[in-house]
Amino acid sequence: MKPLLRPAICLFLMLSIVTGIAYPLLVTGISKALFSDRASGSLIFRDGKPVGSALIGQQFTAPKYFWGRPSATAPQPYNGIASSGSNQGPLNPALIDAVKGRLRAIQSADPSNTAAVPVDLLTASGSGLDPHISAAAAHYQLGRVATARKLPRAQVAALIEAHTEARQWGFLGEPRVNVLLLNLALDKK
């Protein structure tokens, strides 16, 4: 038994150093060198202070802000440590009740808007952290935000268009709007 123990311990220590220390340091160093902004969390700064990340949504509830997708993380919204979907199917009564509650909240925030509410304002993303909404979801909220800020609708619509990101690589996904970046642009007006 002793002749087997020494090589097993040496192999364990060597693999622990390679996979637990050397490899993570190498990958982190390469990512910091090649993708510094992304490796640091894609933080967004205003006046030298971080205000959020371009990769993780934030909760906005004031009428003067665009609202993002609902967060699936609990008990704190947009908690990166608790990232996961709800795993609730479309017939799950809890999901149906949550969507109905979100629909009532959105419609009561802007009762004059009779357009269909885009689905991404009612359902959480797979991670529960999505910082983007569809262009349709941004345009749905345009009236409420413009009224709350006393801005012309055309000016708010121009901001939406300026912050609409194209499909990734021209063919993946749909055009989308980063809610935090759009709200920060609104605050500058």
C-alpha atoms as a PDB file:
ATOM      1  CA  MET A   1       0.000   0.000   0.000  1.00  0.00           C
ATOM      2  CA  LYS A   2       2.855   2.426   0.855  1.00  0.00           C
ATOM      3  CA  PRO A   3       4.389   2.268  -2.652  1.00  0.00           C
ATOM      4  CA  LEU A   4       1.038   3.433  -4.110  1.00  0.00           C
ATOM      5  CA  LEU A   5       0.399   6.187  -1.586  1.00  0.00           C
ATOM      6  CA  ARG A   6       3.415   8.378  -2.393  1.00  0.00           C
ATOM      7  CA  PRO A   7       2.756   8.596  -6.182  1.00  0.00           C
ATOM      8  CA  ALA A   8      -0.961   9.226  -5.541  1.00  0.00           C
ATOM      9  CA  ILE A   9      -0.191  12.121  -3.173  1.00  0.00           C
ATOM     10  CA  CYS A  10       2.408  13.569  -5.585  1.00  0.00           C
ATOM     11  CA  LEU A  11      -0.022  13.325  -8.499  1.00  0.00           C
ATOM     12  CA  PHE A  12      -2.777  14.932  -6.422  1.00  0.00           C
ATOM     13  CA  LEU A  13      -0.514  17.854  -5.432  1.00  0.00           C
ATOM     14  CA  MET A  14       0.789  18.327  -8.972  1.00  0.00           C
ATOM     15  CA  LEU A  15      -2.704  18.323 -10.506  1.00  0.00           C
ATOM     16  CA  SER A  16      -3.965  20.660  -7.767  1.00  0.00           C
ATOM     17  CA  ILE A  17      -1.224  23.152  -8.578  1.00  0.00           C
ATOM     18  CA  VAL A  18      -1.737  22.890 -12.361  1.00  0.00           C
ATOM     19  CA  THR A  19      -5.553  22.938 -12.413  1.00  0.00           C
ATOM     20  CA  GLY A  20      -6.169  24.988  -9.285  1.00  0.00           C
ATOM     21  CA  ILE A  21      -3.483  27.665  -9.554  1.00  0.00           C
ATOM     22  CA  ALA A  22      -1.466  27.698 -12.791  1.00  0.00           C
ATOM     23  CA  TYR A  23      -4.322  27.257 -15.303  1.00  0.00           C
ATOM     24  CA  PRO A  24      -6.681  29.810 -13.688  1.00  0.00           C
ATOM     25  CA  LEU A  25      -3.839  32.358 -13.455  1.00  0.00           C
ATOM     26  CA  LEU A  26      -2.911  31.767 -17.103  1.00  0.00           C
ATOM     27  CA  VAL A  27      -6.486  32.111 -18.354  1.00  0.00           C
ATOM     28  CA  THR A  28      -7.093  35.203 -16.203  1.00  0.00           C
ATOM     29  CA  GLY A  29      -3.866  36.800 -17.406  1.00  0.00           C
ATOM     30  CA  ILE A  30      -4.681  36.159 -21.061  1.00  0.00           C
ATOM     31  CA  SER A  31      -8.228  37.481 -20.676  1.00  0.00           C
ATOM     32  CA  LYS A  32      -7.007  40.601 -18.847  1.00  0.00           C
ATOM     33  CA  ALA A  33      -4.440  41.228 -21.597  1.00  0.00           C
ATOM     34  CA  LEU A  34      -6.777  40.629 -24.544  1.00  0.00           C
ATOM     35  CA  PHE A  35     -10.191  41.622 -23.158  1.00  0.00           C
ATOM     36  CA  SER A  36      -9.461  43.944 -20.248  1.00  0.00           C
ATOM     37  CA  ASP A  37     -12.927  45.517 -20.082  1.00  0.00           C
ATOM     38  CA  ARG A  38     -14.814  42.228 -20.266  1.00  0.00           C
ATOM     39  CA  ALA A  39     -12.487  40.441 -17.864  1.00  0.00           C
ATOM     40  CA  SER A  40     -13.148  43.191 -15.330  1.00  0.00           C
ATOM     41  CA  GLY A  41     -16.922  42.735 -15.523  1.00  0.00           C
ATOM     42  CA  SER A  42     -17.745  45.292 -18.249  1.00  0.00           C
ATOM     43  CA  LEU A  43     -18.271  47.938 -15.577  1.00  0.00           C
ATOM     44  CA  ILE A  44     -19.900  51.231 -16.521  1.00  0.00           C
ATOM     45  CA  PHE A  45     -18.557  54.333 -14.779  1.00  0.00           C
ATOM     46  CA  ARG A  46     -20.126  57.738 -14.268  1.00  0.00           C
ATOM     47  CA  ASP A  47     -18.064  60.513 -12.694  1.00  0.00           C
ATOM     48  CA  GLY A  48     -15.364  57.965 -11.866  1.00  0.00           C
ATOM     49  CA  LYS A  49     -17.717  55.714  -9.892  1.00  0.00           C
ATOM     50  CA  PRO A  50     -19.054  52.355 -11.068  1.00  0.00           C
ATOM     51  CA  VAL A  51     -22.814  52.486 -11.636  1.00  0.00           C
ATOM     52  CA  GLY A  52     -23.320  48.980 -12.961  1.00  0.00           C
ATOM     53  CA  SER A  53     -22.267  46.401 -15.487  1.00  0.00           C
ATOM     54  CA  ALA A  54     -23.188  46.198 -19.146  1.00  0.00           C
ATOM     55  CA  LEU A  55     -23.689  42.452 -18.605  1.00  0.00           C
ATOM     56  CA  ILE A  56     -26.010  42.349 -15.579  1.00  0.00           C
ATOM     57  CA  GLY A  57     -29.397  44.027 -15.415  1.00  0.00           C
ATOM     58  CA  GLN A  58     -30.525  46.414 -12.713  1.00  0.00           C
ATOM     59  CA  GLN A  59     -33.947  47.040 -11.289  1.00  0.00           C
ATOM     60  CA  PHE A  60     -35.562  50.316 -12.336  1.00  0.00           C
ATOM     61  CA  THR A  61     -39.036  51.051 -11.015  1.00  0.00           C
ATOM     62  CA  ALA A  62     -39.443  54.825 -11.333  1.00  0.00           C
ATOM     63  CA  PRO A  63     -41.717  55.899 -14.218  1.00  0.00           C
ATOM     64  CA  LYS A  64     -38.967  58.132 -15.641  1.00  0.00           C
ATOM     65  CA  TYR A  65     -36.771  55.092 -16.391  1.00  0.00           C
ATOM     66  CA  PHE A  66     -37.043  52.265 -18.867  1.00  0.00           C
ATOM     67  CA  TRP A  67     -37.683  49.006 -17.082  1.00  0.00           C
ATOM     68  CA  GLY A  68     -35.748  45.851 -17.882  1.00  0.00           C
ATOM     69  CA  ARG A  69     -36.776  42.250 -17.938  1.00  0.00           C
ATOM     70  CA  PRO A  70     -38.006  40.840 -14.648  1.00  0.00           C
ATOM     71  CA  SER A  71     -35.287  39.159 -12.629  1.00  0.00           C
ATOM     72  CA  ALA A  72     -35.578  35.507 -11.682  1.00  0.00           C
ATOM     73  CA  THR A  73     -33.132  35.813  -8.787  1.00  0.00           C
ATOM     74  CA  ALA A  74     -34.475  35.881  -5.268  1.00  0.00           C
ATOM     75  CA  PRO A  75     -34.641  37.398  -2.756  1.00  0.00           C
ATOM     76  CA  GLN A  76     -32.630  40.250  -4.328  1.00  0.00           C
ATOM     77  CA  PRO A  77     -33.271  41.139  -8.003  1.00  0.00           C
ATOM     78  CA  TYR A  78     -30.364  40.793 -10.455  1.00  0.00           C
ATOM     79  CA  ASN A  79     -28.174  38.977  -7.925  1.00  0.00           C
ATOM     80  CA  GLY A  80     -25.347  37.425  -9.916  1.00  0.00           C
ATOM     81  CA  ILE A  81     -24.681  34.830  -7.230  1.00  0.00           C
ATOM     82  CA  ALA A  82     -28.241  33.498  -7.539  1.00  0.00           C
ATOM     83  CA  SER A  83     -28.308  33.424 -11.348  1.00  0.00           C
ATOM     84  CA  SER A  84     -30.715  30.846 -12.697  1.00  0.00           C
ATOM     85  CA  GLY A  85     -34.030  30.548 -14.408  1.00  0.00           C
ATOM     86  CA  SER A  86     -37.210  29.782 -12.547  1.00  0.00           C
ATOM     87  CA  ASN A  87     -37.628  26.397 -14.275  1.00  0.00           C
ATOM     88  CA  GLN A  88     -41.363  27.043 -14.337  1.00  0.00           C
ATOM     89  CA  GLY A  89     -43.179  25.728 -17.391  1.00  0.00           C
ATOM     90  CA  PRO A  90     -45.802  27.728 -19.289  1.00  0.00           C
ATOM     91  CA  LEU A  91     -48.647  25.955 -17.485  1.00  0.00           C
ATOM     92  CA  ASN A  92     -47.208  26.429 -13.992  1.00  0.00           C
ATOM     93  CA  PRO A  93     -49.729  28.418 -11.906  1.00  0.00           C
ATOM     94  CA  ALA A  94     -46.919  30.339 -10.155  1.00  0.00           C
ATOM     95  CA  LEU A  95     -45.536  31.558 -13.494  1.00  0.00           C
ATOM     96  CA  ILE A  96     -49.006  32.458 -14.747  1.00  0.00           C
ATOM     97  CA  ASP A  97     -49.687  34.453 -11.561  1.00  0.00           C
ATOM     98  CA  ALA A  98     -46.294  36.201 -11.795  1.00  0.00           C
ATOM     99  CA  VAL A  99     -46.894  37.190 -15.427  1.00  0.00           C
ATOM    100  CA  LYS A 100     -50.408  38.449 -14.606  1.00  0.00           C
ATOM    101  CA  GLY A 101     -48.995  40.560 -11.751  1.00  0.00           C
ATOM    102  CA  ARG A 102     -46.266  41.996 -13.982  1.00  0.00           C
ATOM    103  CA  LEU A 103     -48.846  42.754 -16.674  1.00  0.00           C
ATOM    104  CA  ARG A 104     -51.038  44.642 -14.182  1.00  0.00           C
ATOM    105  CA  ALA A 105     -48.039  46.636 -12.916  1.00  0.00           C
ATOM    106  CA  ILE A 106     -46.920  47.612 -16.424  1.00  0.00           C
ATOM    107  CA  GLN A 107     -50.424  48.544 -17.539  1.00  0.00           C
ATOM    108  CA  SER A 108     -51.129  50.552 -14.383  1.00  0.00           C
ATOM    109  CA  ALA A 109     -47.881  52.506 -14.847  1.00  0.00           C
ATOM    110  CA  ASP A 110     -49.142  53.703 -18.251  1.00  0.00           C
ATOM    111  CA  PRO A 111     -52.915  53.177 -18.512  1.00  0.00           C
ATOM    112  CA  SER A 112     -53.162  55.144 -21.759  1.00  0.00           C
ATOM    113  CA  ASN A 113     -50.921  52.641 -23.568  1.00  0.00           C
ATOM    114  CA  THR A 114     -53.230  50.033 -25.095  1.00  0.00           C
ATOM    115  CA  ALA A 115     -50.592  48.276 -27.210  1.00  0.00           C
ATOM    116  CA  ALA A 116     -49.736  44.639 -26.568  1.00  0.00           C
ATOM    117  CA  VAL A 117     -47.060  44.308 -23.890  1.00  0.00           C
ATOM    118  CA  PRO A 118     -43.900  42.681 -25.302  1.00  0.00           C
ATOM    119  CA  VAL A 119     -43.238  39.303 -23.731  1.00  0.00           C
ATOM    120  CA  ASP A 120     -39.753  40.249 -22.511  1.00  0.00           C
ATOM    121  CA  LEU A 121     -41.309  42.760 -20.087  1.00  0.00           C
ATOM    122  CA  LEU A 122     -43.347  39.937 -18.554  1.00  0.00           C
ATOM    123  CA  THR A 123     -40.929  37.012 -18.379  1.00  0.00           C
ATOM    124  CA  ALA A 124     -37.434  36.624 -16.967  1.00  0.00           C
ATOM    125  CA  SER A 125     -34.513  35.492 -19.073  1.00  0.00           C
ATOM    126  CA  GLY A 126     -32.846  32.117 -18.601  1.00  0.00           C
ATOM    127  CA  SER A 127     -30.220  33.579 -16.269  1.00  0.00           C
ATOM    128  CA  GLY A 128     -32.549  36.087 -14.604  1.00  0.00           C
ATOM    129  CA  LEU A 129     -29.873  38.754 -15.126  1.00  0.00           C
ATOM    130  CA  ASP A 130     -30.415  39.960 -18.706  1.00  0.00           C
ATOM    131  CA  PRO A 131     -29.498  43.673 -19.055  1.00  0.00           C
ATOM    132  CA  HIS A 132     -31.260  43.989 -22.427  1.00  0.00           C
ATOM    133  CA  ILE A 133     -34.805  44.394 -23.635  1.00  0.00           C
ATOM    134  CA  SER A 134     -36.081  44.167 -27.166  1.00  0.00           C
ATOM    135  CA  ALA A 135     -36.451  47.335 -29.230  1.00  0.00           C
ATOM    136  CA  ALA A 136     -40.208  46.674 -29.115  1.00  0.00           C
ATOM    137  CA  ALA A 137     -40.134  46.665 -25.295  1.00  0.00           C
ATOM    138  CA  ALA A 138     -38.260  49.977 -25.282  1.00  0.00           C
ATOM    139  CA  HIS A 139     -40.734  51.540 -27.737  1.00  0.00           C
ATOM    140  CA  TYR A 140     -43.637  50.223 -25.646  1.00  0.00           C
ATOM    141  CA  GLN A 141     -42.328  52.258 -22.677  1.00  0.00           C
ATOM    142  CA  LEU A 142     -41.503  55.371 -24.710  1.00  0.00           C
ATOM    143  CA  GLY A 143     -44.705  57.275 -23.842  1.00  0.00           C
ATOM    144  CA  ARG A 144     -44.436  56.707 -20.095  1.00  0.00           C
ATOM    145  CA  VAL A 145     -40.786  57.750 -19.966  1.00  0.00           C
ATOM    146  CA  ALA A 146     -41.269  60.802 -22.199  1.00  0.00           C
ATOM    147  CA  THR A 147     -44.241  61.980 -20.123  1.00  0.00           C
ATOM    148  CA  ALA A 148     -42.466  61.420 -16.795  1.00  0.00           C
ATOM    149  CA  ARG A 149     -39.385  63.330 -17.992  1.00  0.00           C
ATOM    150  CA  LYS A 150     -41.352  66.001 -19.870  1.00  0.00           C
ATOM    151  CA  LEU A 151     -39.340  65.274 -23.018  1.00  0.00           C
ATOM    152  CA  PRO A 152     -40.621  65.166 -26.593  1.00  0.00           C
ATOM    153  CA  ARG A 153     -41.414  61.622 -27.712  1.00  0.00           C
ATOM    154  CA  ALA A 154     -39.190  62.083 -30.766  1.00  0.00           C
ATOM    155  CA  GLN A 155     -36.200  62.854 -28.543  1.00  0.00           C
ATOM    156  CA  VAL A 156     -36.746  59.711 -26.454  1.00  0.00           C
ATOM    157  CA  ALA A 157     -37.314  57.655 -29.617  1.00  0.00           C
ATOM    158  CA  ALA A 158     -34.004  58.938 -31.002  1.00  0.00           C
ATOM    159  CA  LEU A 159     -32.257  57.805 -27.807  1.00  0.00           C
ATOM    160  CA  ILE A 160     -33.811  54.355 -28.167  1.00  0.00           C
ATOM    161  CA  GLU A 161     -32.596  54.126 -31.751  1.00  0.00           C
ATOM    162  CA  ALA A 162     -29.117  55.336 -30.777  1.00  0.00           C
ATOM    163  CA  HIS A 163     -28.884  52.641 -28.091  1.00  0.00           C
ATOM    164  CA  THR A 164     -30.330  49.774 -30.109  1.00  0.00           C
ATOM    165  CA  GLU A 165     -27.649  47.163 -30.691  1.00  0.00           C
ATOM    166  CA  ALA A 166     -27.765  45.136 -33.904  1.00  0.00           C
ATOM    167  CA  ARG A 167     -27.867  41.367 -34.074  1.00  0.00           C
ATOM    168  CA  GLN A 168     -24.626  39.783 -32.926  1.00  0.00           C
ATOM    169  CA  TRP A 169     -22.393  39.173 -35.960  1.00  0.00           C
ATOM    170  CA  GLY A 170     -25.296  40.351 -38.099  1.00  0.00           C
ATOM    171  CA  PHE A 171     -27.415  37.201 -37.763  1.00  0.00           C
ATOM    172  CA  LEU A 172     -27.598  35.978 -34.141  1.00  0.00           C
ATOM    173  CA  GLY A 173     -30.410  37.094 -31.878  1.00  0.00           C
ATOM    174  CA  GLU A 174     -32.606  40.143 -32.254  1.00  0.00           C
ATOM    175  CA  PRO A 175     -31.875  43.861 -32.015  1.00  0.00           C
ATOM    176  CA  ARG A 176     -31.728  44.801 -28.333  1.00  0.00           C
ATOM    177  CA  VAL A 177     -31.351  47.772 -26.019  1.00  0.00           C
ATOM    178  CA  ASN A 178     -29.151  47.825 -22.913  1.00  0.00           C
ATOM    179  CA  VAL A 179     -31.469  49.314 -20.280  1.00  0.00           C
ATOM    180  CA  LEU A 180     -28.734  50.740 -18.041  1.00  0.00           C
ATOM    181  CA  LEU A 181     -26.973  52.526 -20.916  1.00  0.00           C
ATOM    182  CA  LEU A 182     -30.276  53.944 -22.179  1.00  0.00           C
ATOM    183  CA  ASN A 183     -31.260  55.179 -18.713  1.00  0.00           C
ATOM    184  CA  LEU A 184     -27.848  56.769 -18.191  1.00  0.00           C
ATOM    185  CA  ALA A 185     -28.231  58.573 -21.527  1.00  0.00           C
ATOM    186  CA  LEU A 186     -31.652  59.804 -20.400  1.00  0.00           C
ATOM    187  CA  ASP A 187     -30.169  61.126 -17.165  1.00  0.00           C
ATOM    188  CA  LYS A 188     -27.692  63.199 -19.199  1.00  0.00           C
ATOM    189  CA  LYS A 189     -30.557  65.019 -20.967  1.00  0.00           C
END
